[in-house]
PDB file of N, CA and C in Angstrom:
ATOM      1  N   MET A   1       0.852  -1.172   0.000  1.00  0.00           N
ATOM      2  CA  MET A   1       0.000   0.000   0.000  1.00  0.00           C
ATOM      3  C   MET A   1       0.896   1.234   0.000  1.00  0.00           C
ATOM      4  N   GLY A   2       0.486   2.232  -0.713  1.00  0.00           N
ATOM      5  CA  GLY A   2       1.261   3.450  -0.789  1.00  0.00           C
ATOM      6  C   GLY A   2       0.446   4.664  -0.401  1.00  0.00           C
ATOM      7  N   VAL A   3       1.154   5.708  -0.028  1.00  0.00           N
ATOM      8  CA  VAL A   3       0.530   6.988   0.320  1.00  0.00           C
ATOM      9  C   VAL A   3       1.285   8.071  -0.436  1.00  0.00           C
ATOM     10  N   GLY A   4       0.607   8.692  -1.362  1.00  0.00           N
ATOM     11  CA  GLY A   4       1.223   9.767  -2.131  1.00  0.00           C
ATOM     12  C   GLY A   4       2.484   9.351  -2.856  1.00  0.00           C
ATOM     13  N   GLY A   5       2.520   8.112  -3.342  1.00  0.00           N
ATOM     14  CA  GLY A   5       3.678   7.621  -4.077  1.00  0.00           C
ATOM     15  C   GLY A   5       4.769   7.037  -3.194  1.00  0.00           C
ATOM     16  N   VAL A   6       4.578   7.022  -1.884  1.00  0.00           N
ATOM     17  CA  VAL A   6       5.551   6.449  -0.955  1.00  0.00           C
ATOM     18  C   VAL A   6       5.039   5.065  -0.556  1.00  0.00           C
ATOM     19  N   PHE A   7       5.900   4.057  -0.649  1.00  0.00           N
ATOM     20  CA  PHE A   7       5.467   2.682  -0.400  1.00  0.00           C
ATOM     21  C   PHE A   7       6.172   2.013   0.776  1.00  0.00           C
ATOM     22  N   SER A   8       7.100   2.683   1.391  1.00  0.00           N
ATOM     23  CA  SER A   8       7.739   2.128   2.588  1.00  0.00           C
ATOM     24  C   SER A   8       8.107   3.275   3.520  1.00  0.00           C
ATOM     25  N   GLU A   9       8.125   2.970   4.796  1.00  0.00           N
ATOM     26  CA  GLU A   9       8.437   3.958   5.827  1.00  0.00           C
ATOM     27  C   GLU A   9       7.614   5.240   5.632  1.00  0.00           C
ATOM     28  N   ILE A  10       6.315   5.058   5.507  1.00  0.00           N
ATOM     29  CA  ILE A  10       5.383   6.174   5.329  1.00  0.00           C
ATOM     30  C   ILE A  10       5.350   6.995   6.614  1.00  0.00           C
ATOM     31  N   THR A  11       5.559   8.290   6.479  1.00  0.00           N
ATOM     32  CA  THR A  11       5.631   9.163   7.649  1.00  0.00           C
ATOM     33  C   THR A  11       4.355   9.990   7.804  1.00  0.00           C
ATOM     34  N   ARG A  12       4.284  10.634   8.932  1.00  0.00           N
ATOM     35  CA  ARG A  12       3.169  11.548   9.211  1.00  0.00           C
ATOM     36  C   ARG A  12       3.087  12.621   8.122  1.00  0.00           C
ATOM     37  N   GLU A  13       4.232  13.144   7.720  1.00  0.00           N
ATOM     38  CA  GLU A  13       4.268  14.188   6.688  1.00  0.00           C
ATOM     39  C   GLU A  13       3.706  13.677   5.369  1.00  0.00           C
ATOM     40  N   ASP A  14       4.014  12.425   5.020  1.00  0.00           N
ATOM     41  CA  ASP A  14       3.468  11.831   3.791  1.00  0.00           C
ATOM     42  C   ASP A  14       1.939  11.791   3.852  1.00  0.00           C
ATOM     43  N   ILE A  15       1.420  11.378   4.991  1.00  0.00           N
ATOM     44  CA  ILE A  15      -0.033  11.288   5.154  1.00  0.00           C
ATOM     45  C   ILE A  15      -0.659  12.676   5.132  1.00  0.00           C
ATOM     46  N   LEU A  16      -0.066  13.617   5.853  1.00  0.00           N
ATOM     47  CA  LEU A  16      -0.623  14.972   5.884  1.00  0.00           C
ATOM     48  C   LEU A  16      -0.580  15.630   4.508  1.00  0.00           C
ATOM     49  N   ARG A  17       0.466  15.364   3.750  1.00  0.00           N
ATOM     50  CA  ARG A  17       0.573  15.916   2.397  1.00  0.00           C
ATOM     51  C   ARG A  17      -0.555  15.366   1.521  1.00  0.00           C
ATOM     52  N   THR A  18      -0.862  14.088   1.671  1.00  0.00           N
ATOM     53  CA  THR A  18      -1.956  13.481   0.916  1.00  0.00           C
ATOM     54  C   THR A  18      -3.301  14.023   1.380  1.00  0.00           C
ATOM     55  N   CYS A  19      -3.455  14.189   2.690  1.00  0.00           N
ATOM     56  CA  CYS A  19      -4.717  14.715   3.251  1.00  0.00           C
ATOM     57  C   CYS A  19      -5.020  16.117   2.737  1.00  0.00           C
ATOM     58  N   ALA A  20      -3.993  16.870   2.423  1.00  0.00           N
ATOM     59  CA  ALA A  20      -4.186  18.241   1.947  1.00  0.00           C
ATOM     60  C   ALA A  20      -4.965  18.288   0.631  1.00  0.00           C
ATOM     61  N   HIS A  21      -5.003  17.168  -0.076  1.00  0.00           N
ATOM     62  CA  HIS A  21      -5.711  17.100  -1.355  1.00  0.00           C
ATOM     63  C   HIS A  21      -7.185  16.717  -1.199  1.00  0.00           C
ATOM     64  N   TYR A  22      -7.600  16.445   0.031  1.00  0.00           N
ATOM     65  CA  TYR A  22      -8.959  15.984   0.296  1.00  0.00           C
ATOM     66  C   TYR A  22      -9.577  16.801   1.429  1.00  0.00           C
ATOM     67  N   PRO A  23     -10.896  16.845   1.486  1.00  0.00           N
ATOM     68  CA  PRO A  23     -11.557  17.621   2.547  1.00  0.00           C
ATOM     69  C   PRO A  23     -11.594  16.847   3.883  1.00  0.00           C
ATOM     70  N   ILE A  24     -10.427  16.636   4.462  1.00  0.00           N
ATOM     71  CA  ILE A  24     -10.315  15.902   5.727  1.00  0.00           C
ATOM     72  C   ILE A  24     -10.078  16.919   6.832  1.00  0.00           C
ATOM     73  N   LYS A  25     -10.988  16.938   7.801  1.00  0.00           N
ATOM     74  CA  LYS A  25     -10.867  17.878   8.908  1.00  0.00           C
ATOM     75  C   LYS A  25      -9.960  17.287   9.990  1.00  0.00           C
ATOM     76  N   ASN A  26      -9.040  18.085  10.486  1.00  0.00           N
ATOM     77  CA  ASN A  26      -8.148  17.713  11.581  1.00  0.00           C
ATOM     78  C   ASN A  26      -7.372  16.413  11.341  1.00  0.00           C
ATOM     79  N   PRO A  27      -6.683  16.289  10.229  1.00  0.00           N
ATOM     80  CA  PRO A  27      -5.963  15.032   9.974  1.00  0.00           C
ATOM     81  C   PRO A  27      -4.897  14.724  11.026  1.00  0.00           C
ATOM     82  N   SER A  28      -4.265  15.747  11.547  1.00  0.00           N
ATOM     83  CA  SER A  28      -3.246  15.509  12.570  1.00  0.00           C
ATOM     84  C   SER A  28      -3.859  14.908  13.837  1.00  0.00           C
ATOM     85  N   GLN A  29      -5.030  15.386  14.193  1.00  0.00           N
ATOM     86  CA  GLN A  29      -5.730  14.853  15.361  1.00  0.00           C
ATOM     87  C   GLN A  29      -6.140  13.392  15.120  1.00  0.00           C
ATOM     88  N   ILE A  30      -6.582  13.095  13.930  1.00  0.00           N
ATOM     89  CA  ILE A  30      -6.963  11.721  13.590  1.00  0.00           C
ATOM     90  C   ILE A  30      -5.750  10.802  13.702  1.00  0.00           C
ATOM     91  N   ILE A  31      -4.616  11.242  13.187  1.00  0.00           N
ATOM     92  CA  ILE A  31      -3.392  10.442  13.283  1.00  0.00           C
ATOM     93  C   ILE A  31      -3.028  10.219  14.753  1.00  0.00           C
ATOM     94  N   ASP A  32      -3.129  11.269  15.568  1.00  0.00           N
ATOM     95  CA  ASP A  32      -2.822  11.125  16.992  1.00  0.00           C
ATOM     96  C   ASP A  32      -3.730  10.094  17.657  1.00  0.00           C
ATOM     97  N   GLU A  33      -4.992  10.080  17.283  1.00  0.00           N
ATOM     98  CA  GLU A  33      -5.938   9.107  17.845  1.00  0.00           C
ATOM     99  C   GLU A  33      -5.563   7.685  17.425  1.00  0.00           C
ATOM    100  N   ILE A  34      -5.158   7.536  16.187  1.00  0.00           N
ATOM    101  CA  ILE A  34      -4.739   6.226  15.689  1.00  0.00           C
ATOM    102  C   ILE A  34      -3.499   5.748  16.436  1.00  0.00           C
ATOM    103  N   VAL A  35      -2.549   6.648  16.654  1.00  0.00           N
ATOM    104  CA  VAL A  35      -1.335   6.308  17.402  1.00  0.00           C
ATOM    105  C   VAL A  35      -1.695   5.842  18.814  1.00  0.00           C
ATOM    106  N   THR A  36      -2.609   6.551  19.464  1.00  0.00           N
ATOM    107  CA  THR A  36      -3.029   6.175  20.814  1.00  0.00           C
ATOM    108  C   THR A  36      -3.636   4.777  20.829  1.00  0.00           C
ATOM    109  N   VAL A  37      -4.503   4.500  19.882  1.00  0.00           N
ATOM    110  CA  VAL A  37      -5.137   3.178  19.804  1.00  0.00           C
ATOM    111  C   VAL A  37      -4.085   2.104  19.503  1.00  0.00           C
ATOM    112  N   ALA A  38      -3.174   2.389  18.601  1.00  0.00           N
ATOM    113  CA  ALA A  38      -2.148   1.404  18.241  1.00  0.00           C
ATOM    114  C   ALA A  38      -1.287   1.034  19.445  1.00  0.00           C
ATOM    115  N   TYR A  39      -0.976   2.004  20.274  1.00  0.00           N
ATOM    116  CA  TYR A  39      -0.170   1.710  21.461  1.00  0.00           C
ATOM    117  C   TYR A  39      -0.954   0.938  22.516  1.00  0.00           C
ATOM    118  N   SER A  40      -2.253   0.797  22.327  1.00  0.00           N
ATOM    119  CA  SER A  40      -3.075  -0.007  23.227  1.00  0.00           C
ATOM    120  C   SER A  40      -3.120  -1.467  22.783  1.00  0.00           C
ATOM    121  N   TRP A  41      -2.351  -1.809  21.784  1.00  0.00           N
ATOM    122  CA  TRP A  41      -2.346  -3.161  21.237  1.00  0.00           C
ATOM    123  C   TRP A  41      -2.229  -4.247  22.312  1.00  0.00           C
ATOM    124  N   PRO A  42      -1.312  -4.141  23.274  1.00  0.00           N
ATOM    125  CA  PRO A  42      -1.195  -5.221  24.265  1.00  0.00           C
ATOM    126  C   PRO A  42      -2.512  -5.514  24.996  1.00  0.00           C
ATOM    127  N   GLU A  43      -3.275  -4.482  25.272  1.00  0.00           N
ATOM    128  CA  GLU A  43      -4.571  -4.679  25.943  1.00  0.00           C
ATOM    129  C   GLU A  43      -5.539  -5.452  25.043  1.00  0.00           C
ATOM    130  N   PHE A  44      -5.592  -5.077  23.766  1.00  0.00           N
ATOM    131  CA  PHE A  44      -6.480  -5.757  22.825  1.00  0.00           C
ATOM    132  C   PHE A  44      -6.062  -7.220  22.654  1.00  0.00           C
ATOM    133  N   ALA A  45      -4.765  -7.447  22.532  1.00  0.00           N
ATOM    134  CA  ALA A  45      -4.267  -8.811  22.341  1.00  0.00           C
ATOM    135  C   ALA A  45      -4.603  -9.681  23.548  1.00  0.00           C
ATOM    136  N   LYS A  46      -4.438  -9.121  24.733  1.00  0.00           N
ATOM    137  CA  LYS A  46      -4.732  -9.881  25.949  1.00  0.00           C
ATOM    138  C   LYS A  46      -6.219 -10.229  26.020  1.00  0.00           C
ATOM    139  N   LYS A  47      -7.087  -9.249  25.746  1.00  0.00           N
ATOM    140  CA  LYS A  47      -8.538  -9.491  25.768  1.00  0.00           C
ATOM    141  C   LYS A  47      -8.942 -10.544  24.745  1.00  0.00           C
ATOM    142  N   ALA A  48      -8.228 -10.592  23.623  1.00  0.00           N
ATOM    143  CA  ALA A  48      -8.542 -11.546  22.566  1.00  0.00           C
ATOM    144  C   ALA A  48      -7.956 -12.930  22.850  1.00  0.00           C
ATOM    145  N   GLY A  49      -7.128 -13.024  23.889  1.00  0.00           N
ATOM    146  CA  GLY A  49      -6.533 -14.311  24.236  1.00  0.00           C
ATOM    147  C   GLY A  49      -5.393 -14.730  23.336  1.00  0.00           C
ATOM    148  N   LEU A  50      -4.761 -13.776  22.698  1.00  0.00           N
ATOM    149  CA  LEU A  50      -3.644 -14.069  21.811  1.00  0.00           C
ATOM    150  C   LEU A  50      -2.437 -14.508  22.638  1.00  0.00           C
ATOM    151  N   PRO A  51      -1.739 -15.548  22.229  1.00  0.00           N
ATOM    152  CA  PRO A  51      -0.548 -15.968  22.967  1.00  0.00           C
ATOM    153  C   PRO A  51       0.466 -14.822  23.064  1.00  0.00           C
ATOM    154  N   SER A  52       1.132 -14.727  24.191  1.00  0.00           N
ATOM    155  CA  SER A  52       2.059 -13.615  24.456  1.00  0.00           C
ATOM    156  C   SER A  52       3.124 -13.459  23.389  1.00  0.00           C
ATOM    157  N   ALA A  53       3.709 -14.555  22.957  1.00  0.00           N
ATOM    158  CA  ALA A  53       4.781 -14.478  21.958  1.00  0.00           C
ATOM    159  C   ALA A  53       4.266 -13.857  20.664  1.00  0.00           C
ATOM    160  N   ARG A  54       3.098 -14.263  20.235  1.00  0.00           N
ATOM    161  CA  ARG A  54       2.514 -13.719  18.993  1.00  0.00           C
ATOM    162  C   ARG A  54       2.132 -12.257  19.184  1.00  0.00           C
ATOM    163  N   ALA A  55       1.541 -11.937  20.332  1.00  0.00           N
ATOM    164  CA  ALA A  55       1.158 -10.549  20.624  1.00  0.00           C
ATOM    165  C   ALA A  55       2.390  -9.650  20.633  1.00  0.00           C
ATOM    166  N   ASP A  56       3.483 -10.128  21.206  1.00  0.00           N
ATOM    167  CA  ASP A  56       4.722  -9.338  21.238  1.00  0.00           C
ATOM    168  C   ASP A  56       5.272  -9.111  19.834  1.00  0.00           C
ATOM    169  N   GLN A  57       5.213 -10.147  19.010  1.00  0.00           N
ATOM    170  CA  GLN A  57       5.701 -10.042  17.634  1.00  0.00           C
ATOM    171  C   GLN A  57       4.895  -9.003  16.859  1.00  0.00           C
ATOM    172  N   ILE A  58       3.592  -9.062  16.965  1.00  0.00           N
ATOM    173  CA  ILE A  58       2.727  -8.098  16.287  1.00  0.00           C
ATOM    174  C   ILE A  58       2.944  -6.704  16.872  1.00  0.00           C
ATOM    175  N   GLY A  59       3.083  -6.630  18.189  1.00  0.00           N
ATOM    176  CA  GLY A  59       3.319  -5.354  18.852  1.00  0.00           C
ATOM    177  C   GLY A  59       4.576  -4.655  18.354  1.00  0.00           C
ATOM    178  N   LYS A  60       5.623  -5.422  18.080  1.00  0.00           N
ATOM    179  CA  LYS A  60       6.859  -4.830  17.549  1.00  0.00           C
ATOM    180  C   LYS A  60       6.615  -4.218  16.166  1.00  0.00           C
ATOM    181  N   ASP A  61       5.855  -4.922  15.341  1.00  0.00           N
ATOM    182  CA  ASP A  61       5.532  -4.395  14.009  1.00  0.00           C
ATOM    183  C   ASP A  61       4.702  -3.117  14.118  1.00  0.00           C
ATOM    184  N   ILE A  62       3.714  -3.141  15.003  1.00  0.00           N
ATOM    185  CA  ILE A  62       2.865  -1.965  15.199  1.00  0.00           C
ATOM    186  C   ILE A  62       3.706  -0.785  15.682  1.00  0.00           C
ATOM    187  N   SER A  63       4.571  -1.031  16.652  1.00  0.00           N
ATOM    188  CA  SER A  63       5.408   0.044  17.201  1.00  0.00           C
ATOM    189  C   SER A  63       6.311   0.660  16.136  1.00  0.00           C
ATOM    190  N   ALA A  64       6.873  -0.196  15.287  1.00  0.00           N
ATOM    191  CA  ALA A  64       7.753   0.306  14.229  1.00  0.00           C
ATOM    192  C   ALA A  64       6.993   1.194  13.257  1.00  0.00           C
ATOM    193  N   CYS A  65       5.774   0.813  12.909  1.00  0.00           N
ATOM    194  CA  CYS A  65       4.968   1.614  11.991  1.00  0.00           C
ATOM    195  C   CYS A  65       4.496   2.909  12.650  1.00  0.00           C
ATOM    196  N   VAL A  66       4.036   2.806  13.878  1.00  0.00           N
ATOM    197  CA  VAL A  66       3.488   3.967  14.577  1.00  0.00           C
ATOM    198  C   VAL A  66       4.572   4.995  14.887  1.00  0.00           C
ATOM    199  N   ALA A  67       5.795   4.527  15.111  1.00  0.00           N
ATOM    200  CA  ALA A  67       6.891   5.450  15.401  1.00  0.00           C
ATOM    201  C   ALA A  67       7.078   6.455  14.266  1.00  0.00           C
ATOM    202  N   LEU A  68       6.784   6.041  13.038  1.00  0.00           N
ATOM    203  CA  LEU A  68       6.908   6.940  11.893  1.00  0.00           C
ATOM    204  C   LEU A  68       5.809   7.996  11.859  1.00  0.00           C
ATOM    205  N   LEU A  69       4.736   7.789  12.623  1.00  0.00           N
ATOM    206  CA  LEU A  69       3.609   8.715  12.601  1.00  0.00           C
ATOM    207  C   LEU A  69       3.659   9.758  13.724  1.00  0.00           C
ATOM    208  N   LYS A  70       4.572   9.588  14.666  1.00  0.00           N
ATOM    209  CA  LYS A  70       4.652  10.531  15.776  1.00  0.00           C
ATOM    210  C   LYS A  70       5.214  11.866  15.288  1.00  0.00           C
ATOM    211  N   GLU A  71       4.829  12.916  15.979  1.00  0.00           N
ATOM    212  CA  GLU A  71       5.335  14.245  15.600  1.00  0.00           C
ATOM    213  C   GLU A  71       6.755  14.410  16.063  1.00  0.00           C
TER     214      GLU A  71
END
């Protein structure tokens, strides 16, 4: 998946640049909300009964992606 022609290590700036072409209100706030939810992954995984090793593996991937979206 790509955002504005970028296909790896998509950053907050890439997303905001793309949002500027559409009538999206408060895109930065939306990204912040997504980051907050993504960091709640361990809670969701635990509630879903996901084995710890698998939850940790997925959590590392989520953290790596979300780190690119922080201001």
